[in-house]
Amino acid sequence: MTYHTNETSIWSQFAATGVLNNVADREFRTIKGGWPTFAFAHDLGTVSARKTDPVVYTIGYVRDPLVQFSNVPNVNSMRGPYYLTRYGSTFEMVRSLIISFTAVRM
């Protein structure tokens, strides 16, 4: 994964070389201060008319605890994501999602 602050620099680099340089931009910034750009590249090899294995990316944002609310005056309760009642971790939930998606697409 490559992080840049400028989508033009990523496009120019990829168009010229066919690869990304795998450099991480670790600069902390405010919510409106120079949005970073994320680029993914995957070599599909030779593309032909026959069926090939899919390439699946998942992108998401996870918060835990997810919700804070007051059930009595001045007492806050924290609640996690509902999927944790079925899956032991966020990783397991995403893994199951990818397996299910791949099975449907095959």
PDB file of N, CA and C in Angstrom:
ATOM      1  N   MET A   1       0.852  -1.165   0.000  1.00  0.00           N
ATOM      2  CA  MET A   1       0.000   0.000   0.000  1.00  0.00           C
ATOM      3  C   MET A   1       0.898   1.228   0.000  1.00  0.00           C
ATOM      4  N   THR A   2       0.558   2.225  -0.761  1.00  0.00           N
ATOM      5  CA  THR A   2       1.327   3.457  -0.834  1.00  0.00           C
ATOM      6  C   THR A   2       0.458   4.617  -0.380  1.00  0.00           C
ATOM      7  N   TYR A   3       1.031   5.487   0.426  1.00  0.00           N
ATOM      8  CA  TYR A   3       0.322   6.660   0.912  1.00  0.00           C
ATOM      9  C   TYR A   3       1.012   7.902   0.343  1.00  0.00           C
ATOM     10  N   HIS A   4       0.251   8.775  -0.235  1.00  0.00           N
ATOM     11  CA  HIS A   4       0.776  10.046  -0.718  1.00  0.00           C
ATOM     12  C   HIS A   4      -0.212  11.134  -0.340  1.00  0.00           C
ATOM     13  N   THR A   5       0.259  12.354  -0.334  1.00  0.00           N
ATOM     14  CA  THR A   5      -0.650  13.459  -0.085  1.00  0.00           C
ATOM     15  C   THR A   5      -1.179  14.036  -1.380  1.00  0.00           C
ATOM     16  N   ASN A   6      -0.778  13.479  -2.502  1.00  0.00           N
ATOM     17  CA  ASN A   6      -1.167  14.041  -3.777  1.00  0.00           C
ATOM     18  C   ASN A   6      -1.484  12.908  -4.757  1.00  0.00           C
ATOM     19  N   GLU A   7      -2.741  12.810  -5.177  1.00  0.00           N
ATOM     20  CA  GLU A   7      -3.114  11.720  -6.079  1.00  0.00           C
ATOM     21  C   GLU A   7      -2.417  11.814  -7.424  1.00  0.00           C
ATOM     22  N   THR A   8      -2.039  13.028  -7.855  1.00  0.00           N
ATOM     23  CA  THR A   8      -1.348  13.198  -9.129  1.00  0.00           C
ATOM     24  C   THR A   8       0.024  12.533  -9.096  1.00  0.00           C
ATOM     25  N   SER A   9       0.720  12.618  -7.958  1.00  0.00           N
ATOM     26  CA  SER A   9       2.040  12.002  -7.881  1.00  0.00           C
ATOM     27  C   SER A   9       1.935  10.483  -7.951  1.00  0.00           C
ATOM     28  N   ILE A  10       0.897   9.900  -7.382  1.00  0.00           N
ATOM     29  CA  ILE A  10       0.712   8.443  -7.457  1.00  0.00           C
ATOM     30  C   ILE A  10       0.435   8.033  -8.899  1.00  0.00           C
ATOM     31  N   TRP A  11      -0.487   8.732  -9.544  1.00  0.00           N
ATOM     32  CA  TRP A  11      -0.844   8.391 -10.913  1.00  0.00           C
ATOM     33  C   TRP A  11       0.360   8.532 -11.838  1.00  0.00           C
ATOM     34  N   SER A  12       1.098   9.601 -11.708  1.00  0.00           N
ATOM     35  CA  SER A  12       2.273   9.817 -12.559  1.00  0.00           C
ATOM     36  C   SER A  12       3.300   8.711 -12.356  1.00  0.00           C
ATOM     37  N   GLN A  13       3.555   8.364 -11.099  1.00  0.00           N
ATOM     38  CA  GLN A  13       4.530   7.317 -10.797  1.00  0.00           C
ATOM     39  C   GLN A  13       4.078   5.976 -11.377  1.00  0.00           C
ATOM     40  N   PHE A  14       2.825   5.623 -11.176  1.00  0.00           N
ATOM     41  CA  PHE A  14       2.329   4.332 -11.655  1.00  0.00           C
ATOM     42  C   PHE A  14       2.306   4.278 -13.180  1.00  0.00           C
ATOM     43  N   ALA A  15       1.896   5.366 -13.815  1.00  0.00           N
ATOM     44  CA  ALA A  15       1.850   5.406 -15.278  1.00  0.00           C
ATOM     45  C   ALA A  15       3.246   5.268 -15.878  1.00  0.00           C
ATOM     46  N   ALA A  16       4.245   5.834 -15.206  1.00  0.00           N
ATOM     47  CA  ALA A  16       5.614   5.799 -15.732  1.00  0.00           C
ATOM     48  C   ALA A  16       6.317   4.470 -15.483  1.00  0.00           C
ATOM     49  N   THR A  17       6.059   3.846 -14.324  1.00  0.00           N
ATOM     50  CA  THR A  17       6.836   2.660 -13.949  1.00  0.00           C
ATOM     51  C   THR A  17       6.019   1.377 -13.867  1.00  0.00           C
ATOM     52  N   GLY A  18       4.705   1.485 -13.713  1.00  0.00           N
ATOM     53  CA  GLY A  18       3.863   0.307 -13.578  1.00  0.00           C
ATOM     54  C   GLY A  18       3.855  -0.296 -12.188  1.00  0.00           C
ATOM     55  N   VAL A  19       4.499   0.365 -11.236  1.00  0.00           N
ATOM     56  CA  VAL A  19       4.539  -0.115  -9.852  1.00  0.00           C
ATOM     57  C   VAL A  19       4.390   1.071  -8.901  1.00  0.00           C
ATOM     58  N   LEU A  20       4.052   0.768  -7.668  1.00  0.00           N
ATOM     59  CA  LEU A  20       4.014   1.773  -6.609  1.00  0.00           C
ATOM     60  C   LEU A  20       5.256   1.600  -5.752  1.00  0.00           C
ATOM     61  N   ASN A  21       5.715   2.667  -5.113  1.00  0.00           N
ATOM     62  CA  ASN A  21       6.992   2.602  -4.395  1.00  0.00           C
ATOM     63  C   ASN A  21       6.879   2.138  -2.948  1.00  0.00           C
ATOM     64  N   ASN A  22       5.678   1.819  -2.470  1.00  0.00           N
ATOM     65  CA  ASN A  22       5.475   1.277  -1.127  1.00  0.00           C
ATOM     66  C   ASN A  22       6.057   2.163  -0.027  1.00  0.00           C
ATOM     67  N   VAL A  23       5.817   3.461  -0.132  1.00  0.00           N
ATOM     68  CA  VAL A  23       6.274   4.423   0.870  1.00  0.00           C
ATOM     69  C   VAL A  23       5.083   4.839   1.722  1.00  0.00           C
ATOM     70  N   ALA A  24       5.261   4.842   3.025  1.00  0.00           N
ATOM     71  CA  ALA A  24       4.180   5.223   3.934  1.00  0.00           C
ATOM     72  C   ALA A  24       4.363   6.671   4.380  1.00  0.00           C
ATOM     73  N   ASP A  25       3.299   7.444   4.264  1.00  0.00           N
ATOM     74  CA  ASP A  25       3.276   8.816   4.771  1.00  0.00           C
ATOM     75  C   ASP A  25       2.714   8.756   6.182  1.00  0.00           C
ATOM     76  N   ARG A  26       3.526   8.944   7.179  1.00  0.00           N
ATOM     77  CA  ARG A  26       3.095   8.828   8.566  1.00  0.00           C
ATOM     78  C   ARG A  26       2.893  10.193   9.238  1.00  0.00           C
ATOM     79  N   GLU A  27       2.747  11.231   8.420  1.00  0.00           N
ATOM     80  CA  GLU A  27       2.560  12.579   8.935  1.00  0.00           C
ATOM     81  C   GLU A  27       1.177  12.734   9.545  1.00  0.00           C
ATOM     82  N   PHE A  28       1.113  13.119  10.796  1.00  0.00           N
ATOM     83  CA  PHE A  28      -0.176  13.388  11.437  1.00  0.00           C
ATOM     84  C   PHE A  28      -0.744  14.677  10.877  1.00  0.00           C
ATOM     85  N   ARG A  29      -2.046  14.685  10.608  1.00  0.00           N
ATOM     86  CA  ARG A  29      -2.680  15.907  10.078  1.00  0.00           C
ATOM     87  C   ARG A  29      -4.097  16.010  10.621  1.00  0.00           C
ATOM     88  N   THR A  30      -4.606  17.196  10.601  1.00  0.00           N
ATOM     89  CA  THR A  30      -5.983  17.413  11.036  1.00  0.00           C
ATOM     90  C   THR A  30      -6.938  16.837  10.003  1.00  0.00           C
ATOM     91  N   ILE A  31      -8.199  16.774  10.337  1.00  0.00           N
ATOM     92  CA  ILE A  31      -9.188  16.150   9.466  1.00  0.00           C
ATOM     93  C   ILE A  31      -9.273  16.824   8.099  1.00  0.00           C
ATOM     94  N   LYS A  32      -9.007  18.105   8.015  1.00  0.00           N
ATOM     95  CA  LYS A  32      -9.077  18.818   6.734  1.00  0.00           C
ATOM     96  C   LYS A  32      -7.701  19.208   6.214  1.00  0.00           C
ATOM     97  N   GLY A  33      -6.647  18.716   6.830  1.00  0.00           N
ATOM     98  CA  GLY A  33      -5.299  19.141   6.449  1.00  0.00           C
ATOM     99  C   GLY A  33      -4.591  18.184   5.523  1.00  0.00           C
ATOM    100  N   GLY A  34      -4.757  18.315   4.234  1.00  0.00           N
ATOM    101  CA  GLY A  34      -4.032  17.502   3.270  1.00  0.00           C
ATOM    102  C   GLY A  34      -4.443  16.045   3.298  1.00  0.00           C
ATOM    103  N   TRP A  35      -5.567  15.737   2.701  1.00  0.00           N
ATOM    104  CA  TRP A  35      -6.082  14.377   2.688  1.00  0.00           C
ATOM    105  C   TRP A  35      -5.073  13.432   2.042  1.00  0.00           C
ATOM    106  N   PRO A  36      -4.751  12.336   2.706  1.00  0.00           N
ATOM    107  CA  PRO A  36      -3.834  11.379   2.087  1.00  0.00           C
ATOM    108  C   PRO A  36      -4.552  10.583   0.997  1.00  0.00           C
ATOM    109  N   THR A  37      -3.794  10.038   0.085  1.00  0.00           N
ATOM    110  CA  THR A  37      -4.328   9.211  -0.983  1.00  0.00           C
ATOM    111  C   THR A  37      -3.782   7.805  -0.810  1.00  0.00           C
ATOM    112  N   PHE A  38      -4.634   6.813  -0.954  1.00  0.00           N
ATOM    113  CA  PHE A  38      -4.230   5.419  -0.815  1.00  0.00           C
ATOM    114  C   PHE A  38      -4.292   4.761  -2.187  1.00  0.00           C
ATOM    115  N   ALA A  39      -3.255   4.043  -2.548  1.00  0.00           N
ATOM    116  CA  ALA A  39      -3.234   3.386  -3.854  1.00  0.00           C
ATOM    117  C   ALA A  39      -2.918   1.908  -3.684  1.00  0.00           C
ATOM    118  N   PHE A  40      -3.624   1.086  -4.433  1.00  0.00           N
ATOM    119  CA  PHE A  40      -3.410  -0.347  -4.425  1.00  0.00           C
ATOM    120  C   PHE A  40      -3.133  -0.794  -5.858  1.00  0.00           C
ATOM    121  N   ALA A  41      -2.162  -1.664  -6.026  1.00  0.00           N
ATOM    122  CA  ALA A  41      -1.873  -2.220  -7.346  1.00  0.00           C
ATOM    123  C   ALA A  41      -1.740  -3.729  -7.194  1.00  0.00           C
ATOM    124  N   HIS A  42      -2.311  -4.453  -8.130  1.00  0.00           N
ATOM    125  CA  HIS A  42      -2.247  -5.915  -8.092  1.00  0.00           C
ATOM    126  C   HIS A  42      -1.971  -6.420  -9.494  1.00  0.00           C
ATOM    127  N   ASP A  43      -0.902  -7.190  -9.653  1.00  0.00           N
ATOM    128  CA  ASP A  43      -0.563  -7.752 -10.955  1.00  0.00           C
ATOM    129  C   ASP A  43      -1.476  -8.936 -11.231  1.00  0.00           C
ATOM    130  N   LEU A  44      -2.327  -8.823 -12.222  1.00  0.00           N
ATOM    131  CA  LEU A  44      -3.268  -9.884 -12.573  1.00  0.00           C
ATOM    132  C   LEU A  44      -2.665 -10.908 -13.525  1.00  0.00           C
ATOM    133  N   GLY A  45      -1.430 -10.710 -13.915  1.00  0.00           N
ATOM    134  CA  GLY A  45      -0.817 -11.641 -14.859  1.00  0.00           C
ATOM    135  C   GLY A  45      -1.434 -11.469 -16.230  1.00  0.00           C
ATOM    136  N   THR A  46      -1.469 -12.562 -16.981  1.00  0.00           N
ATOM    137  CA  THR A  46      -2.067 -12.529 -18.312  1.00  0.00           C
ATOM    138  C   THR A  46      -3.583 -12.644 -18.184  1.00  0.00           C
ATOM    139  N   VAL A  47      -4.289 -11.686 -18.722  1.00  0.00           N
ATOM    140  CA  VAL A  47      -5.748 -11.680 -18.668  1.00  0.00           C
ATOM    141  C   VAL A  47      -6.265 -12.303 -19.960  1.00  0.00           C
ATOM    142  N   SER A  48      -7.158 -13.286 -19.800  1.00  0.00           N
ATOM    143  CA  SER A  48      -7.713 -13.960 -20.971  1.00  0.00           C
ATOM    144  C   SER A  48      -9.220 -14.129 -20.801  1.00  0.00           C
ATOM    145  N   ALA A  49      -9.844 -14.784 -21.758  1.00  0.00           N
ATOM    146  CA  ALA A  49     -11.295 -14.972 -21.723  1.00  0.00           C
ATOM    147  C   ALA A  49     -11.715 -16.039 -20.708  1.00  0.00           C
ATOM    148  N   ARG A  50     -10.796 -16.891 -20.276  1.00  0.00           N
ATOM    149  CA  ARG A  50     -11.176 -17.926 -19.309  1.00  0.00           C
ATOM    150  C   ARG A  50     -11.273 -17.337 -17.906  1.00  0.00           C
ATOM    151  N   LYS A  51     -12.036 -18.006 -17.085  1.00  0.00           N
ATOM    152  CA  LYS A  51     -12.305 -17.540 -15.722  1.00  0.00           C
ATOM    153  C   LYS A  51     -11.038 -17.610 -14.867  1.00  0.00           C
ATOM    154  N   THR A  52     -10.795 -16.561 -14.098  1.00  0.00           N
ATOM    155  CA  THR A  52      -9.641 -16.527 -13.199  1.00  0.00           C
ATOM    156  C   THR A  52     -10.113 -16.256 -11.782  1.00  0.00           C
ATOM    157  N   ASP A  53      -9.236 -16.477 -10.827  1.00  0.00           N
ATOM    158  CA  ASP A  53      -9.565 -16.183  -9.438  1.00  0.00           C
ATOM    159  C   ASP A  53      -9.704 -14.673  -9.251  1.00  0.00           C
ATOM    160  N   PRO A  54     -10.691 -14.246  -8.472  1.00  0.00           N
ATOM    161  CA  PRO A  54     -10.881 -12.808  -8.259  1.00  0.00           C
ATOM    162  C   PRO A  54      -9.851 -12.240  -7.287  1.00  0.00           C
ATOM    163  N   VAL A  55      -9.654 -10.953  -7.366  1.00  0.00           N
ATOM    164  CA  VAL A  55      -8.863 -10.217  -6.396  1.00  0.00           C
ATOM    165  C   VAL A  55      -9.868  -9.415  -5.581  1.00  0.00           C
ATOM    166  N   VAL A  56      -9.881  -9.602  -4.277  1.00  0.00           N
ATOM    167  CA  VAL A  56     -10.871  -8.962  -3.422  1.00  0.00           C
ATOM    168  C   VAL A  56     -10.153  -8.075  -2.402  1.00  0.00           C
ATOM    169  N   TYR A  57     -10.550  -6.815  -2.342  1.00  0.00           N
ATOM    170  CA  TYR A  57     -10.058  -5.885  -1.337  1.00  0.00           C
ATOM    171  C   TYR A  57     -11.226  -5.517  -0.430  1.00  0.00           C
ATOM    172  N   THR A  58     -10.952  -5.365   0.835  1.00  0.00           N
ATOM    173  CA  THR A  58     -11.964  -4.844   1.747  1.00  0.00           C
ATOM    174  C   THR A  58     -11.394  -3.599   2.404  1.00  0.00           C
ATOM    175  N   ILE A  59     -12.208  -2.592   2.488  1.00  0.00           N
ATOM    176  CA  ILE A  59     -11.808  -1.345   3.127  1.00  0.00           C
ATOM    177  C   ILE A  59     -12.898  -1.000   4.128  1.00  0.00           C
ATOM    178  N   GLY A  60     -12.509  -0.699   5.331  1.00  0.00           N
ATOM    179  CA  GLY A  60     -13.505  -0.386   6.337  1.00  0.00           C
ATOM    180  C   GLY A  60     -12.926   0.421   7.473  1.00  0.00           C
ATOM    181  N   TYR A  61     -13.786   0.828   8.329  1.00  0.00           N
ATOM    182  CA  TYR A  61     -13.418   1.601   9.507  1.00  0.00           C
ATOM    183  C   TYR A  61     -14.136   0.987  10.696  1.00  0.00           C
ATOM    184  N   VAL A  62     -13.380   0.594  11.711  1.00  0.00           N
ATOM    185  CA  VAL A  62     -13.960  -0.090  12.862  1.00  0.00           C
ATOM    186  C   VAL A  62     -13.722   0.733  14.118  1.00  0.00           C
ATOM    187  N   ARG A  63     -14.762   0.862  14.899  1.00  0.00           N
ATOM    188  CA  ARG A  63     -14.660   1.523  16.209  1.00  0.00           C
ATOM    189  C   ARG A  63     -15.124   0.559  17.285  1.00  0.00           C
ATOM    190  N   ASP A  64     -14.388   0.489  18.370  1.00  0.00           N
ATOM    191  CA  ASP A  64     -14.813  -0.314  19.513  1.00  0.00           C
ATOM    192  C   ASP A  64     -14.231   0.337  20.763  1.00  0.00           C
ATOM    193  N   PRO A  65     -15.048   0.914  21.605  1.00  0.00           N
ATOM    194  CA  PRO A  65     -16.507   0.846  21.600  1.00  0.00           C
ATOM    195  C   PRO A  65     -17.096   1.696  20.479  1.00  0.00           C
ATOM    196  N   LEU A  66     -18.271   1.279  20.079  1.00  0.00           N
ATOM    197  CA  LEU A  66     -18.944   1.901  18.951  1.00  0.00           C
ATOM    198  C   LEU A  66     -19.861   3.038  19.380  1.00  0.00           C
ATOM    199  N   VAL A  67     -20.562   2.834  20.496  1.00  0.00           N
ATOM    200  CA  VAL A  67     -21.571   3.787  20.948  1.00  0.00           C
ATOM    201  C   VAL A  67     -21.408   4.047  22.442  1.00  0.00           C
ATOM    202  N   GLN A  68     -21.611   5.291  22.816  1.00  0.00           N
ATOM    203  CA  GLN A  68     -21.644   5.661  24.238  1.00  0.00           C
ATOM    204  C   GLN A  68     -22.991   6.315  24.500  1.00  0.00           C
ATOM    205  N   PHE A  69     -23.668   5.869  25.539  1.00  0.00           N
ATOM    206  CA  PHE A  69     -24.934   6.501  25.887  1.00  0.00           C
ATOM    207  C   PHE A  69     -25.104   6.502  27.395  1.00  0.00           C
ATOM    208  N   SER A  70     -26.006   7.329  27.867  1.00  0.00           N
ATOM    209  CA  SER A  70     -26.304   7.409  29.300  1.00  0.00           C
ATOM    210  C   SER A  70     -27.628   6.716  29.564  1.00  0.00           C
ATOM    211  N   ASN A  71     -27.579   5.659  30.375  1.00  0.00           N
ATOM    212  CA  ASN A  71     -28.833   4.975  30.703  1.00  0.00           C
ATOM    213  C   ASN A  71     -29.442   5.481  32.001  1.00  0.00           C
ATOM    214  N   VAL A  72     -28.661   6.125  32.809  1.00  0.00           N
ATOM    215  CA  VAL A  72     -29.147   6.847  33.989  1.00  0.00           C
ATOM    216  C   VAL A  72     -28.341   8.135  34.064  1.00  0.00           C
ATOM    217  N   PRO A  73     -28.834   9.130  34.738  1.00  0.00           N
ATOM    218  CA  PRO A  73     -28.108  10.403  34.779  1.00  0.00           C
ATOM    219  C   PRO A  73     -26.651  10.238  35.240  1.00  0.00           C
ATOM    220  N   ASN A  74     -25.744  10.798  34.454  1.00  0.00           N
ATOM    221  CA  ASN A  74     -24.314  10.841  34.738  1.00  0.00           C
ATOM    222  C   ASN A  74     -23.619   9.477  34.763  1.00  0.00           C
ATOM    223  N   VAL A  75     -24.213   8.457  34.163  1.00  0.00           N
ATOM    224  CA  VAL A  75     -23.566   7.146  34.061  1.00  0.00           C
ATOM    225  C   VAL A  75     -23.526   6.755  32.582  1.00  0.00           C
ATOM    226  N   ASN A  76     -22.321   6.700  32.025  1.00  0.00           N
ATOM    227  CA  ASN A  76     -22.170   6.363  30.613  1.00  0.00           C
ATOM    228  C   ASN A  76     -21.981   4.868  30.429  1.00  0.00           C
ATOM    229  N   SER A  77     -22.594   4.314  29.402  1.00  0.00           N
ATOM    230  CA  SER A  77     -22.434   2.917  29.013  1.00  0.00           C
ATOM    231  C   SER A  77     -21.794   2.881  27.634  1.00  0.00           C
ATOM    232  N   MET A  78     -20.844   1.972  27.457  1.00  0.00           N
ATOM    233  CA  MET A  78     -20.165   1.809  26.175  1.00  0.00           C
ATOM    234  C   MET A  78     -20.634   0.495  25.551  1.00  0.00           C
ATOM    235  N   ARG A  79     -20.886   0.491  24.251  1.00  0.00           N
ATOM    236  CA  ARG A  79     -21.314  -0.704  23.535  1.00  0.00           C
ATOM    237  C   ARG A  79     -20.417  -0.932  22.324  1.00  0.00           C
ATOM    238  N   GLY A  80     -20.085  -2.191  22.096  1.00  0.00           N
ATOM    239  CA  GLY A  80     -19.255  -2.568  20.959  1.00  0.00           C
ATOM    240  C   GLY A  80     -20.103  -2.906  19.742  1.00  0.00           C
ATOM    241  N   PRO A  81     -19.454  -3.236  18.624  1.00  0.00           N
ATOM    242  CA  PRO A  81     -20.179  -3.595  17.408  1.00  0.00           C
ATOM    243  C   PRO A  81     -20.983  -4.884  17.590  1.00  0.00           C
ATOM    244  N   TYR A  82     -22.143  -4.950  16.969  1.00  0.00           N
ATOM    245  CA  TYR A  82     -23.028  -6.112  17.083  1.00  0.00           C
ATOM    246  C   TYR A  82     -22.369  -7.384  16.545  1.00  0.00           C
ATOM    247  N   TYR A  83     -21.553  -7.262  15.471  1.00  0.00           N
ATOM    248  CA  TYR A  83     -20.960  -8.455  14.880  1.00  0.00           C
ATOM    249  C   TYR A  83     -20.072  -9.227  15.858  1.00  0.00           C
ATOM    250  N   LEU A  84     -19.607  -8.590  16.924  1.00  0.00           N
ATOM    251  CA  LEU A  84     -18.776  -9.292  17.901  1.00  0.00           C
ATOM    252  C   LEU A  84     -19.576 -10.322  18.702  1.00  0.00           C
ATOM    253  N   THR A  85     -20.916 -10.276  18.611  1.00  0.00           N
ATOM    254  CA  THR A  85     -21.713 -11.326  19.262  1.00  0.00           C
ATOM    255  C   THR A  85     -21.651 -12.627  18.463  1.00  0.00           C
ATOM    256  N   ARG A  86     -21.282 -12.540  17.186  1.00  0.00           N
ATOM    257  CA  ARG A  86     -21.194 -13.735  16.334  1.00  0.00           C
ATOM    258  C   ARG A  86     -19.754 -14.134  16.033  1.00  0.00           C
ATOM    259  N   TYR A  87     -18.886 -13.148  15.881  1.00  0.00           N
ATOM    260  CA  TYR A  87     -17.487 -13.398  15.547  1.00  0.00           C
ATOM    261  C   TYR A  87     -16.619 -12.999  16.729  1.00  0.00           C
ATOM    262  N   GLY A  88     -15.512 -13.715  16.915  1.00  0.00           N
ATOM    263  CA  GLY A  88     -14.643 -13.444  18.047  1.00  0.00           C
ATOM    264  C   GLY A  88     -13.805 -12.184  17.902  1.00  0.00           C
ATOM    265  N   SER A  89     -13.659 -11.693  16.666  1.00  0.00           N
ATOM    266  CA  SER A  89     -12.818 -10.521  16.440  1.00  0.00           C
ATOM    267  C   SER A  89     -13.205  -9.872  15.117  1.00  0.00           C
ATOM    268  N   THR A  90     -12.702  -8.676  14.906  1.00  0.00           N
ATOM    269  CA  THR A  90     -12.925  -7.985  13.637  1.00  0.00           C
ATOM    270  C   THR A  90     -12.278  -8.779  12.503  1.00  0.00           C
ATOM    271  N   PHE A  91     -11.096  -9.327  12.752  1.00  0.00           N
ATOM    272  CA  PHE A  91     -10.400 -10.122  11.736  1.00  0.00           C
ATOM    273  C   PHE A  91     -11.267 -11.299  11.280  1.00  0.00           C
ATOM    274  N   GLU A  92     -11.872 -12.023  12.221  1.00  0.00           N
ATOM    275  CA  GLU A  92     -12.713 -13.170  11.885  1.00  0.00           C
ATOM    276  C   GLU A  92     -13.942 -12.748  11.069  1.00  0.00           C
ATOM    277  N   MET A  93     -14.532 -11.613  11.399  1.00  0.00           N
ATOM    278  CA  MET A  93     -15.686 -11.119  10.651  1.00  0.00           C
ATOM    279  C   MET A  93     -15.285 -10.792   9.212  1.00  0.00           C
ATOM    280  N   VAL A  94     -14.176 -10.091   9.023  1.00  0.00           N
ATOM    281  CA  VAL A  94     -13.723  -9.724   7.685  1.00  0.00           C
ATOM    282  C   VAL A  94     -13.346 -10.976   6.894  1.00  0.00           C
ATOM    283  N   ARG A  95     -12.674 -11.915   7.534  1.00  0.00           N
ATOM    284  CA  ARG A  95     -12.301 -13.175   6.882  1.00  0.00           C
ATOM    285  C   ARG A  95     -13.551 -13.911   6.382  1.00  0.00           C
ATOM    286  N   SER A  96     -14.576 -13.992   7.204  1.00  0.00           N
ATOM    287  CA  SER A  96     -15.820 -14.651   6.824  1.00  0.00           C
ATOM    288  C   SER A  96     -16.489 -13.924   5.650  1.00  0.00           C
ATOM    289  N   LEU A  97     -16.460 -12.601   5.686  1.00  0.00           N
ATOM    290  CA  LEU A  97     -17.040 -11.804   4.605  1.00  0.00           C
ATOM    291  C   LEU A  97     -16.323 -12.077   3.282  1.00  0.00           C
ATOM    292  N   ILE A  98     -15.009 -12.122   3.316  1.00  0.00           N
ATOM    293  CA  ILE A  98     -14.239 -12.364   2.086  1.00  0.00           C
ATOM    294  C   ILE A  98     -14.499 -13.760   1.552  1.00  0.00           C
ATOM    295  N   ILE A  99     -14.530 -14.758   2.430  1.00  0.00           N
ATOM    296  CA  ILE A  99     -14.808 -16.134   2.007  1.00  0.00           C
ATOM    297  C   ILE A  99     -16.192 -16.224   1.384  1.00  0.00           C
ATOM    298  N   SER A 100     -17.181 -15.599   2.025  1.00  0.00           N
ATOM    299  CA  SER A 100     -18.553 -15.619   1.485  1.00  0.00           C
ATOM    300  C   SER A 100     -18.637 -14.927   0.137  1.00  0.00           C
ATOM    301  N   PHE A 101     -17.999 -13.767   0.013  1.00  0.00           N
ATOM    302  CA  PHE A 101     -18.017 -13.019  -1.243  1.00  0.00           C
ATOM    303  C   PHE A 101     -17.363 -13.819  -2.357  1.00  0.00           C
ATOM    304  N   THR A 102     -16.215 -14.417  -2.052  1.00  0.00           N
ATOM    305  CA  THR A 102     -15.494 -15.197  -3.061  1.00  0.00           C
ATOM    306  C   THR A 102     -16.314 -16.406  -3.504  1.00  0.00           C
ATOM    307  N   ALA A 103     -17.005 -17.064  -2.563  1.00  0.00           N
ATOM    308  CA  ALA A 103     -17.824 -18.227  -2.902  1.00  0.00           C
ATOM    309  C   ALA A 103     -18.979 -17.838  -3.828  1.00  0.00           C
ATOM    310  N   VAL A 104     -19.576 -16.691  -3.621  1.00  0.00           N
ATOM    311  CA  VAL A 104     -20.688 -16.234  -4.450  1.00  0.00           C
ATOM    312  C   VAL A 104     -20.202 -15.868  -5.848  1.00  0.00           C
ATOM    313  N   ARG A 105     -19.027 -15.269  -5.939  1.00  0.00           N
ATOM    314  CA  ARG A 105     -18.498 -14.798  -7.222  1.00  0.00           C
ATOM    315  C   ARG A 105     -17.946 -15.924  -8.086  1.00  0.00           C
ATOM    316  N   MET A 106     -17.654 -17.077  -7.539  1.00  0.00           N
ATOM    317  CA  MET A 106     -17.012 -18.170  -8.293  1.00  0.00           C
ATOM    318  C   MET A 106     -17.958 -18.830  -9.242  1.00  0.00           C
TER     319      MET A 106
END
